């Protein structure tokens, strides 16, 4: 009697390798291991390098059997497939005590040591939000981890192209040790993208550090640099102009209220960098730095600003006003600004007219996100101007704050506005507008 399952078995047996690898791509480690036991062909598929080029390893801080296995799984993966790895992301989720950080440090020492011996392909490494300034990191564990990471970066420095250590919160000396590791072999670092946002501990005036300047002078091919404004100085801009002007495309700069940002940086330094690096675009992210005099010291007209984000983070302060920033500072970027984000919890000033005039003056503005106290009619005016091609916005995301708990009337007006401009919104815009009670 003929086996009814034979055609199905035969079709799986002759499945092309590329299709089989695609199936394996969607399986987790456990399922891949089980599938590899089916036959030799499936076992070979398990060891296909294309399946193991990217890896995210998450270490969970809360104790459980599943989370404990994550440490074992990480080491198993590196031993089995580390040689294929090209992109590695390490996540540390809610570390809760010193015992956990010590276990994490020991695991990372074994993982990175093994990887440095078997891998010659790794081009990107991301280890975010280590927060090494927290008390759960004992000094000796912290020092051992930084030594382990620095040693690994030295061995990988010739091939590594991307490094993300956002949120590490290290001292100036520790941070420069890690960055210097990237140029250890040649005394020149050719990595193209570095993210050191919140890399240094809070309150550090990195901008006046000779050690930091010496470290940054070793990078000669930076394309994207993400960092904090407390690192910016005339010296740093001159270093970027001298060593990376030919490649530099993007500076992402975060300015936080708790980071020093009162240093004097001359517009001529920015102008010289922009002249030598014609592809350069600068993106600013301000958190709770809202006062006009603070912003005016930072937002110089010589900077080729592409994006600005101003967030008050729900802090309401009657001593600052946004109006002069909208009317005096931001219009200076009318010819370059493409993205504007405003999150303002200032119920003492209505900014409809000033904001609309700014949008209309910025001829290249494509993206608008606003959370603020606005009138609903602002949206109608904005969409009418967009219909008349007086602006070129393609994304509009607005949260209209209101001091009233009941917003049914505002919601009805927004529905009317949507119906009026439905064709424009549906055909040309990424559009999202709601009301939000701030009671």
Protein backbone atom coordinates (compact mmCIF):
# COMPACT_ATOMS: atom_id res chain seq x y z
CA UNK A 1 0.00 0.00 0.00
CA UNK A 2 1.36 3.43 -0.97
CA UNK A 3 2.25 5.77 1.87
CA UNK A 4 0.05 8.87 1.66
CA UNK A 5 2.69 10.98 3.39
CA UNK A 6 5.42 10.15 0.84
CA UNK A 7 4.78 13.10 -1.54
CA UNK A 8 4.91 15.51 1.38
CA UNK A 9 8.08 13.93 2.74
CA UNK A 10 9.65 13.98 -0.71
CA UNK A 11 8.82 17.68 -1.18
CA UNK A 12 10.50 18.58 2.13
CA UNK A 13 13.49 16.43 1.29
CA UNK A 14 14.03 18.30 -1.97
CA UNK A 15 13.38 21.76 -0.57
CA UNK A 16 16.08 24.08 -2.00
CA UNK A 17 18.77 25.15 0.47
CA UNK A 18 17.86 28.82 0.20
CA UNK A 19 14.24 28.03 1.15
CA UNK A 20 15.33 25.79 4.00
CA UNK A 21 17.58 28.51 5.41
CA UNK A 22 14.69 30.93 5.16
CA UNK A 23 12.53 28.58 7.24
CA UNK A 24 15.31 28.23 9.83
CA UNK A 25 15.65 32.00 9.95
CA UNK A 26 12.24 32.29 11.65
CA UNK A 27 12.95 29.66 14.31
CA UNK A 28 14.38 30.35 17.75
CA UNK A 29 17.42 28.49 19.06
CA UNK A 30 15.47 25.63 20.64
CA UNK A 31 13.40 24.98 17.50
CA UNK A 32 16.46 25.20 15.27
CA UNK A 33 18.23 22.59 17.39
CA UNK A 34 15.23 20.27 17.23
CA UNK A 35 14.86 20.74 13.46
CA UNK A 36 18.54 19.98 12.94
CA UNK A 37 17.93 16.43 14.25
CA UNK A 38 15.60 15.58 11.35
CA UNK A 39 18.28 14.72 8.80
CA UNK A 40 21.78 15.59 7.60
CA UNK A 41 20.50 18.24 5.21
CA UNK A 42 18.63 20.02 7.96
CA UNK A 43 21.65 19.71 10.22
CA UNK A 44 23.79 21.40 7.56
CA UNK A 45 21.18 24.17 7.31
CA UNK A 46 21.52 24.72 11.05
CA UNK A 47 25.19 25.62 10.56
CA UNK A 48 24.60 28.03 7.69
CA UNK A 49 26.50 31.23 8.47
CA UNK A 50 23.69 33.45 7.19
CA UNK A 51 21.50 32.36 10.14
CA UNK A 52 23.95 33.59 12.76
CA UNK A 53 25.22 36.93 11.48
CA UNK A 54 23.03 38.98 13.83
CA UNK A 55 22.45 38.33 17.50
CA UNK A 56 20.70 40.09 20.35
CA UNK A 57 21.50 38.67 23.78
CA UNK A 58 19.34 39.92 26.64
CA UNK A 59 20.32 39.50 30.28
CA UNK A 60 17.29 39.95 32.52
CA UNK A 61 17.83 41.36 35.98
CA UNK A 62 14.92 39.65 37.71
CA UNK A 63 15.61 36.07 38.88
CA UNK A 64 13.88 33.19 37.14
CA UNK A 65 14.86 29.85 35.65
CA UNK A 66 14.32 31.13 32.10
CA UNK A 67 16.49 34.17 32.71
CA UNK A 68 19.23 32.06 34.30
CA UNK A 69 19.33 29.94 31.14
CA UNK A 70 20.02 33.12 29.15
CA UNK A 71 23.56 33.22 30.55
CA UNK A 72 24.15 29.62 29.50
CA UNK A 73 22.53 30.17 26.10
CA UNK A 74 24.77 33.18 25.39
CA UNK A 75 27.94 31.16 25.97
CA UNK A 76 26.55 28.21 23.97
CA UNK A 77 25.83 30.48 21.02
CA UNK A 78 29.30 32.03 20.94
CA UNK A 79 31.00 28.63 21.15
CA UNK A 80 28.86 27.17 18.36
CA UNK A 81 28.30 30.07 15.99
CA UNK A 82 30.40 33.02 17.15
CA UNK A 83 32.65 32.77 14.09
CA UNK A 84 29.75 33.83 11.85
CA UNK A 85 28.72 36.84 13.94
CA UNK A 86 28.75 40.28 12.30
CA UNK A 87 26.30 42.30 14.41
CA UNK A 88 26.07 41.82 18.19
CA UNK A 89 23.72 43.59 20.59
CA UNK A 90 23.90 43.03 24.34
CA UNK A 91 20.93 44.14 26.44
CA UNK A 92 21.03 44.45 30.20
CA UNK A 93 17.43 44.58 31.44
CA UNK A 94 16.75 45.92 34.96
CA UNK A 95 19.81 44.70 36.89
CA UNK A 96 18.67 44.55 40.51
CA UNK A 97 21.63 43.75 42.78
CA UNK A 98 25.40 43.37 43.00
CA UNK A 99 25.26 39.58 42.62
CA UNK A 100 23.61 39.94 39.23
CA UNK A 101 26.14 42.49 37.94
CA UNK A 102 28.97 40.26 39.09
CA UNK A 103 27.44 37.28 37.25
CA UNK A 104 26.95 39.46 34.18
CA UNK A 105 30.58 40.56 34.32
CA UNK A 106 31.85 36.98 34.55
CA UNK A 107 29.61 35.86 31.68
CA UNK A 108 30.70 38.78 29.50
CA UNK A 109 34.35 38.01 30.22
CA UNK A 110 33.89 34.47 28.93
CA UNK A 111 31.71 35.52 26.02
CA UNK A 112 34.00 38.29 24.75
CA UNK A 113 37.14 36.24 25.32
CA UNK A 114 35.77 33.37 23.26
CA UNK A 115 34.47 35.70 20.58
CA UNK A 116 37.78 37.51 20.21
CA UNK A 117 39.50 34.18 19.49
CA UNK A 118 37.06 32.76 16.94
CA UNK A 119 35.57 35.78 15.18
CA UNK A 120 37.03 37.94 12.41
CA UNK A 121 33.78 39.36 11.03
CA UNK A 122 32.24 41.49 13.77
CA UNK A 123 31.50 44.97 12.42
CA UNK A 124 28.97 46.32 14.93
CA UNK A 125 28.70 46.09 18.72
CA UNK A 126 25.98 47.60 20.88
CA UNK A 127 25.87 47.49 24.70
CA UNK A 128 23.43 50.15 25.87
CA UNK A 129 22.35 51.43 29.28
CA UNK A 130 25.01 49.76 31.41
CA UNK A 131 24.68 52.63 33.93
CA UNK A 132 27.99 51.79 35.53
CA UNK A 133 27.63 54.67 37.99
CA UNK A 134 24.87 52.83 39.91
CA UNK A 135 25.67 51.41 43.35
CA UNK A 136 24.86 47.86 42.22
CA UNK A 137 28.19 47.93 40.38
CA UNK A 138 30.91 47.31 42.96
CA UNK A 139 34.15 49.09 42.11
CA UNK A 140 36.09 45.88 41.51
CA UNK A 141 33.35 44.38 39.28
CA UNK A 142 33.03 47.62 37.34
CA UNK A 143 36.81 47.83 36.83
CA UNK A 144 36.99 44.21 35.68
CA UNK A 145 34.15 44.69 33.21
CA UNK A 146 35.72 47.82 31.70
CA UNK A 147 39.08 46.02 31.41
CA UNK A 148 37.36 43.08 29.67
CA UNK A 149 35.52 45.34 27.23
CA UNK A 150 38.63 47.41 26.51
CA UNK A 151 40.63 44.27 25.75
CA UNK A 152 37.92 43.05 23.39
CA UNK A 153 37.74 46.40 21.58
CA UNK A 154 41.51 46.35 21.09
CA UNK A 155 41.34 42.95 19.41
CA UNK A 156 38.40 43.97 17.21
CA UNK A 157 39.49 47.52 16.42
CA UNK A 158 40.66 46.78 12.87
CA UNK A 159 37.29 45.38 11.76
CA UNK A 160 34.73 47.13 14.00
CA UNK A 161 32.74 49.78 12.13
CA UNK A 162 29.98 50.65 14.63
CA UNK A 163 30.06 50.97 18.43
CA UNK A 164 27.12 51.92 20.64
CA UNK A 165 27.81 52.43 24.35
CA UNK A 166 24.89 54.74 25.00
CA UNK A 167 24.10 55.12 28.69
CA UNK A 168 27.33 53.56 30.00
CA UNK A 169 27.83 56.38 32.54
CA UNK A 170 31.58 56.01 33.05
CA UNK A 171 34.21 58.37 34.38
CA UNK A 172 36.26 60.50 32.02
CA UNK A 173 39.30 58.25 32.40
CA UNK A 174 37.30 55.04 31.91
CA UNK A 175 35.50 56.44 28.87
CA UNK A 176 38.70 57.54 27.19
CA UNK A 177 40.28 54.15 27.93
CA UNK A 178 37.44 52.41 26.09
CA UNK A 179 37.53 54.82 23.14
CA UNK A 180 41.31 54.62 22.92
CA UNK A 181 40.98 50.84 22.60
CA UNK A 182 39.49 51.37 19.14
CA UNK A 183 42.79 52.79 17.89
CA UNK A 184 45.14 50.64 19.95
CA UNK A 185 46.73 48.67 17.10
CA UNK A 186 47.38 51.47 14.61
CA UNK A 187 47.11 54.62 16.77
CA UNK A 188 44.36 55.60 14.32
CA UNK A 189 40.71 54.62 14.57
CA UNK A 190 38.83 54.05 11.33
CA UNK A 191 35.49 53.19 12.87
CA UNK A 192 32.72 55.10 11.09
CA UNK A 193 29.91 55.36 13.68
CA UNK A 194 30.11 55.88 17.44
CA UNK A 195 27.24 56.44 19.86
CA UNK A 196 28.47 57.85 23.19
CA UNK A 197 25.26 59.58 24.24
CA UNK A 198 25.12 59.58 28.07
CA UNK A 199 28.44 57.72 27.93
CA UNK A 200 30.04 59.84 30.62
CA UNK A 201 28.68 60.31 34.12
CA UNK A 202 26.38 63.23 34.85
CA UNK A 203 27.77 66.70 35.53
CA UNK A 204 31.14 66.09 33.83
CA UNK A 205 32.50 69.09 31.84
CA UNK A 206 34.07 66.84 29.21
CA UNK A 207 34.54 69.82 26.86
CA UNK A 208 37.59 71.09 28.76
CA UNK A 209 39.37 67.72 29.00
CA UNK A 210 42.69 67.45 27.17
CA UNK A 211 42.48 63.66 27.54
CA UNK A 212 39.16 63.59 25.69
CA UNK A 213 40.54 65.79 22.89
CA UNK A 214 43.58 63.55 22.50
CA UNK A 215 41.31 60.51 22.33
CA UNK A 216 38.99 61.98 19.69
CA UNK A 217 41.95 63.08 17.55
CA UNK A 218 42.68 59.41 16.86
CA UNK A 219 39.49 58.91 14.83
CA UNK A 220 40.02 59.60 11.15
CA UNK A 221 36.92 58.40 9.32
CA UNK A 222 33.89 59.24 11.43
CA UNK A 223 30.62 59.38 9.51
CA UNK A 224 28.10 59.54 12.37
CA UNK A 225 28.87 60.70 15.90
CA UNK A 226 26.23 60.72 18.64
CA UNK A 227 27.18 62.38 21.92
CA UNK A 228 26.25 65.00 24.53
CA UNK A 229 26.68 68.74 24.32
CA UNK A 230 28.94 68.66 27.39
CA UNK A 231 31.59 67.24 25.01
CA UNK A 232 31.40 70.15 22.53
CA UNK A 233 34.21 72.68 22.36
CA UNK A 234 36.11 74.67 19.77
CA UNK A 235 38.92 72.13 20.14
CA UNK A 236 36.64 69.18 19.37
CA UNK A 237 35.17 70.88 16.30
CA UNK A 238 38.69 71.63 15.05
CA UNK A 239 39.65 67.98 15.60
CA UNK A 240 36.64 66.76 13.61
CA UNK A 241 37.46 69.25 10.85
CA UNK A 242 41.08 68.13 10.67
CA UNK A 243 40.58 64.36 10.82
CA UNK A 244 37.05 63.46 9.67
CA UNK A 245 35.81 66.30 7.46
CA UNK A 246 36.05 64.14 4.34
CA UNK A 247 33.63 61.55 5.78
CA UNK A 248 31.55 63.29 8.44
CA UNK A 249 27.81 63.36 7.65
CA UNK A 250 25.87 63.48 10.92
CA UNK A 251 26.31 64.82 14.44
CA UNK A 252 23.57 63.85 16.90
CA UNK A 253 23.85 66.08 19.96
CA UNK A 254 21.88 65.67 23.18
CA UNK A 255 21.72 68.54 25.66
CA UNK A 256 20.26 67.65 29.07
CA UNK A 257 19.54 70.02 31.93
CA UNK A 258 21.89 68.06 34.22
CA UNK A 259 24.83 68.16 31.80
CA UNK A 260 27.08 71.24 31.79
CA UNK A 261 26.15 73.33 28.75
CA UNK A 262 27.35 76.83 29.59
CA UNK A 263 30.64 76.67 27.67
CA UNK A 264 31.37 79.21 24.94
CA UNK A 265 31.63 77.72 21.45
CA UNK A 266 32.38 80.17 18.63
CA UNK A 267 30.28 80.25 15.51
CA UNK A 268 33.49 80.42 13.47
CA UNK A 269 34.44 76.93 14.67
CA UNK A 270 31.12 75.58 13.42
CA UNK A 271 31.47 77.52 10.15
CA UNK A 272 34.96 76.12 9.53
CA UNK A 273 33.76 72.56 10.15
CA UNK A 274 30.69 73.00 7.91
CA UNK A 275 32.88 74.43 5.14
CA UNK A 276 35.28 71.47 5.21
CA UNK A 277 32.47 68.91 5.70
CA UNK A 278 29.82 69.92 3.15
CA UNK A 279 27.71 66.78 3.80
CA UNK A 280 27.39 67.56 7.52
CA UNK A 281 23.95 67.73 9.14
CA UNK A 282 23.42 68.34 12.86
CA UNK A 283 20.53 67.00 14.93
CA UNK A 284 19.87 68.57 18.34
CA UNK A 285 17.91 66.93 21.16
CA UNK A 286 17.18 69.19 24.12
CA UNK A 287 15.74 67.82 27.36
CA UNK A 288 14.51 70.46 29.83
CA UNK A 289 16.90 73.01 28.36
CA UNK A 290 14.20 75.48 27.35
CA UNK A 291 15.26 78.97 28.42
CA UNK A 292 16.00 81.31 25.53
CA UNK A 293 19.37 82.50 26.82
CA UNK A 294 20.60 78.89 27.20
CA UNK A 295 19.40 77.91 23.73
CA UNK A 296 20.80 81.07 22.13
CA UNK A 297 24.28 80.17 23.39
CA UNK A 298 24.02 76.74 21.71
CA UNK A 299 21.94 77.25 18.54
CA UNK A 300 24.33 79.34 16.50
CA UNK A 301 23.39 80.38 12.98
CA UNK A 302 26.55 78.79 11.52
CA UNK A 303 25.40 75.25 12.41
CA UNK A 304 23.87 73.21 9.54
CA UNK A 305 20.91 72.05 11.64
CA UNK A 306 18.66 69.38 10.12
CA UNK A 307 16.58 68.44 13.18
CA UNK A 308 15.65 70.06 16.49
CA UNK A 309 13.82 68.42 19.38
CA UNK A 310 12.81 70.48 22.41
CA UNK A 311 11.26 68.53 25.27
CA UNK A 312 10.21 69.95 28.62
CA UNK A 313 9.39 66.42 29.88
CA UNK A 314 6.21 67.53 31.66
CA UNK A 315 8.05 70.13 33.74
CA UNK A 316 6.09 73.37 33.76
CA UNK A 317 8.09 76.49 34.53
CA UNK A 318 6.53 79.95 34.43
CA UNK A 319 10.02 81.48 34.19
CA UNK A 320 10.66 80.31 30.64
CA UNK A 321 8.79 81.19 27.51
CA UNK A 322 9.00 79.53 24.12
CA UNK A 323 7.91 82.51 22.02
CA UNK A 324 11.37 84.12 21.48
CA UNK A 325 12.81 80.74 20.51
CA UNK A 326 10.14 80.28 17.85
CA UNK A 327 10.40 83.84 16.53
CA UNK A 328 14.12 84.64 16.90
CA UNK A 329 16.22 81.47 17.06
CA UNK A 330 14.65 78.74 14.94
CA UNK A 331 13.85 80.89 11.86
CA UNK A 332 17.62 81.18 11.31
CA UNK A 333 17.46 77.59 10.00
CA UNK A 334 14.70 78.24 7.47
CA UNK A 335 16.84 76.89 4.64
CA UNK A 336 18.08 73.66 6.32
CA UNK A 337 15.62 72.53 9.02
CA UNK A 338 13.77 69.35 8.01
CA UNK A 339 12.44 67.96 11.29
CA UNK A 340 10.95 69.77 14.30
CA UNK A 341 9.77 68.19 17.57
CA UNK A 342 8.25 70.29 20.37
CA UNK A 343 6.96 68.82 23.62
CA UNK A 344 5.93 71.80 25.73
CA UNK A 345 4.03 71.78 28.98
CA UNK A 346 3.63 75.56 29.19
CA UNK A 347 -0.04 76.34 29.62
CA UNK A 348 0.71 80.03 30.22
CA UNK A 349 1.39 80.87 26.56
CA UNK A 350 -0.53 80.04 23.40
CA UNK A 351 1.80 79.67 20.43
CA UNK A 352 -0.50 79.11 17.45
CA UNK A 353 0.58 82.14 15.41
CA UNK A 354 4.29 81.88 16.16
CA UNK A 355 4.44 78.17 15.42
CA UNK A 356 2.51 78.47 12.17
CA UNK A 357 4.73 81.31 10.98
CA UNK A 358 7.83 79.26 11.77
CA UNK A 359 6.50 76.27 9.81
CA UNK A 360 5.73 78.43 6.79
CA UNK A 361 9.16 80.06 6.88
CA UNK A 362 11.04 76.72 6.94
CA UNK A 363 11.05 75.79 3.27
CA UNK A 364 12.46 72.28 3.75
CA UNK A 365 10.48 71.21 6.83
CA UNK A 366 9.05 67.72 6.29
CA UNK A 367 8.37 66.39 9.79
CA UNK A 368 6.41 68.10 12.57
CA UNK A 369 5.67 66.64 15.99
CA UNK A 370 4.09 68.96 18.56
CA UNK A 371 2.75 68.26 22.04
CA UNK A 372 1.60 71.61 23.37
CA UNK A 373 -1.27 73.82 24.43
CA UNK A 374 -2.73 74.79 21.05
CA UNK A 375 -6.16 75.69 19.80
CA UNK A 376 -7.91 73.18 17.57
CA UNK A 377 -8.20 75.80 14.84
CA UNK A 378 -4.40 75.69 14.51
CA UNK A 379 -4.78 72.38 12.71
CA UNK A 380 -7.26 73.81 10.24
CA UNK A 381 -4.96 76.72 9.47
CA UNK A 382 -1.97 74.42 9.07
CA UNK A 383 -3.77 72.02 6.73
CA UNK A 384 -5.15 74.90 4.68
CA UNK A 385 -1.61 76.20 4.14
CA UNK A 386 -0.44 72.69 3.28
CA UNK A 387 -3.26 72.42 0.71
CA UNK A 388 -2.09 75.69 -0.83
CA UNK A 389 1.50 74.33 -0.99
CA UNK A 390 2.82 77.00 1.34
CA UNK A 391 4.67 74.28 3.22
CA UNK A 392 5.85 70.78 2.26
CA UNK A 393 5.14 68.77 5.44
CA UNK A 394 4.71 65.04 4.91
CA UNK A 395 4.38 64.04 8.60
CA UNK A 396 2.15 65.82 11.11
CA UNK A 397 1.84 64.40 14.63
CA UNK A 398 0.12 66.70 17.12
CA UNK A 399 -1.09 66.22 20.68
CA UNK A 400 -3.22 69.21 21.64
CA UNK A 401 -3.01 69.74 25.38
CA UNK A 402 -6.06 71.12 27.13
CA UNK A 403 -6.62 72.14 30.73
CA UNK A 404 -10.12 70.66 30.66
CA UNK A 405 -11.00 67.06 31.46
CA UNK A 406 -13.83 67.01 28.93
CA UNK A 407 -12.60 67.20 25.31
CA UNK A 408 -15.67 66.11 23.33
CA UNK A 409 -16.09 69.51 21.69
CA UNK A 410 -12.43 69.63 20.59
CA UNK A 411 -12.66 66.06 19.32
CA UNK A 412 -15.72 66.90 17.26
CA UNK A 413 -13.92 69.88 15.70
CA UNK A 414 -10.92 67.69 14.86
CA UNK A 415 -13.23 65.21 13.11
CA UNK A 416 -14.71 68.05 11.08
CA UNK A 417 -11.24 69.24 10.13
CA UNK A 418 -10.24 65.71 9.09
CA UNK A 419 -13.30 65.38 6.86
CA UNK A 420 -12.59 68.76 5.29
CA UNK A 421 -9.02 67.78 4.37
CA UNK A 422 -9.53 64.03 4.03
CA UNK A 423 -8.19 63.74 0.49
CA UNK A 424 -4.98 65.60 1.36
CA UNK A 425 -4.45 63.64 4.57
CA UNK A 426 -5.10 60.21 3.07
CA UNK A 427 -3.07 60.78 -0.08
CA UNK A 428 -0.07 62.84 1.04
CA UNK A 429 0.35 62.91 4.83
CA UNK A 430 1.40 60.72 7.72
CA UNK A 431 -1.16 62.33 10.01
CA UNK A 432 -2.08 61.81 13.67
CA UNK A 433 -3.77 64.43 15.85
CA UNK A 434 -5.49 63.98 19.23
CA UNK A 435 -6.51 66.03 22.23
CA UNK A 436 -4.94 65.30 25.61
CA UNK A 437 -6.26 66.58 28.96
CA UNK A 438 -3.51 67.99 31.18
CA UNK A 439 -5.41 68.26 34.47
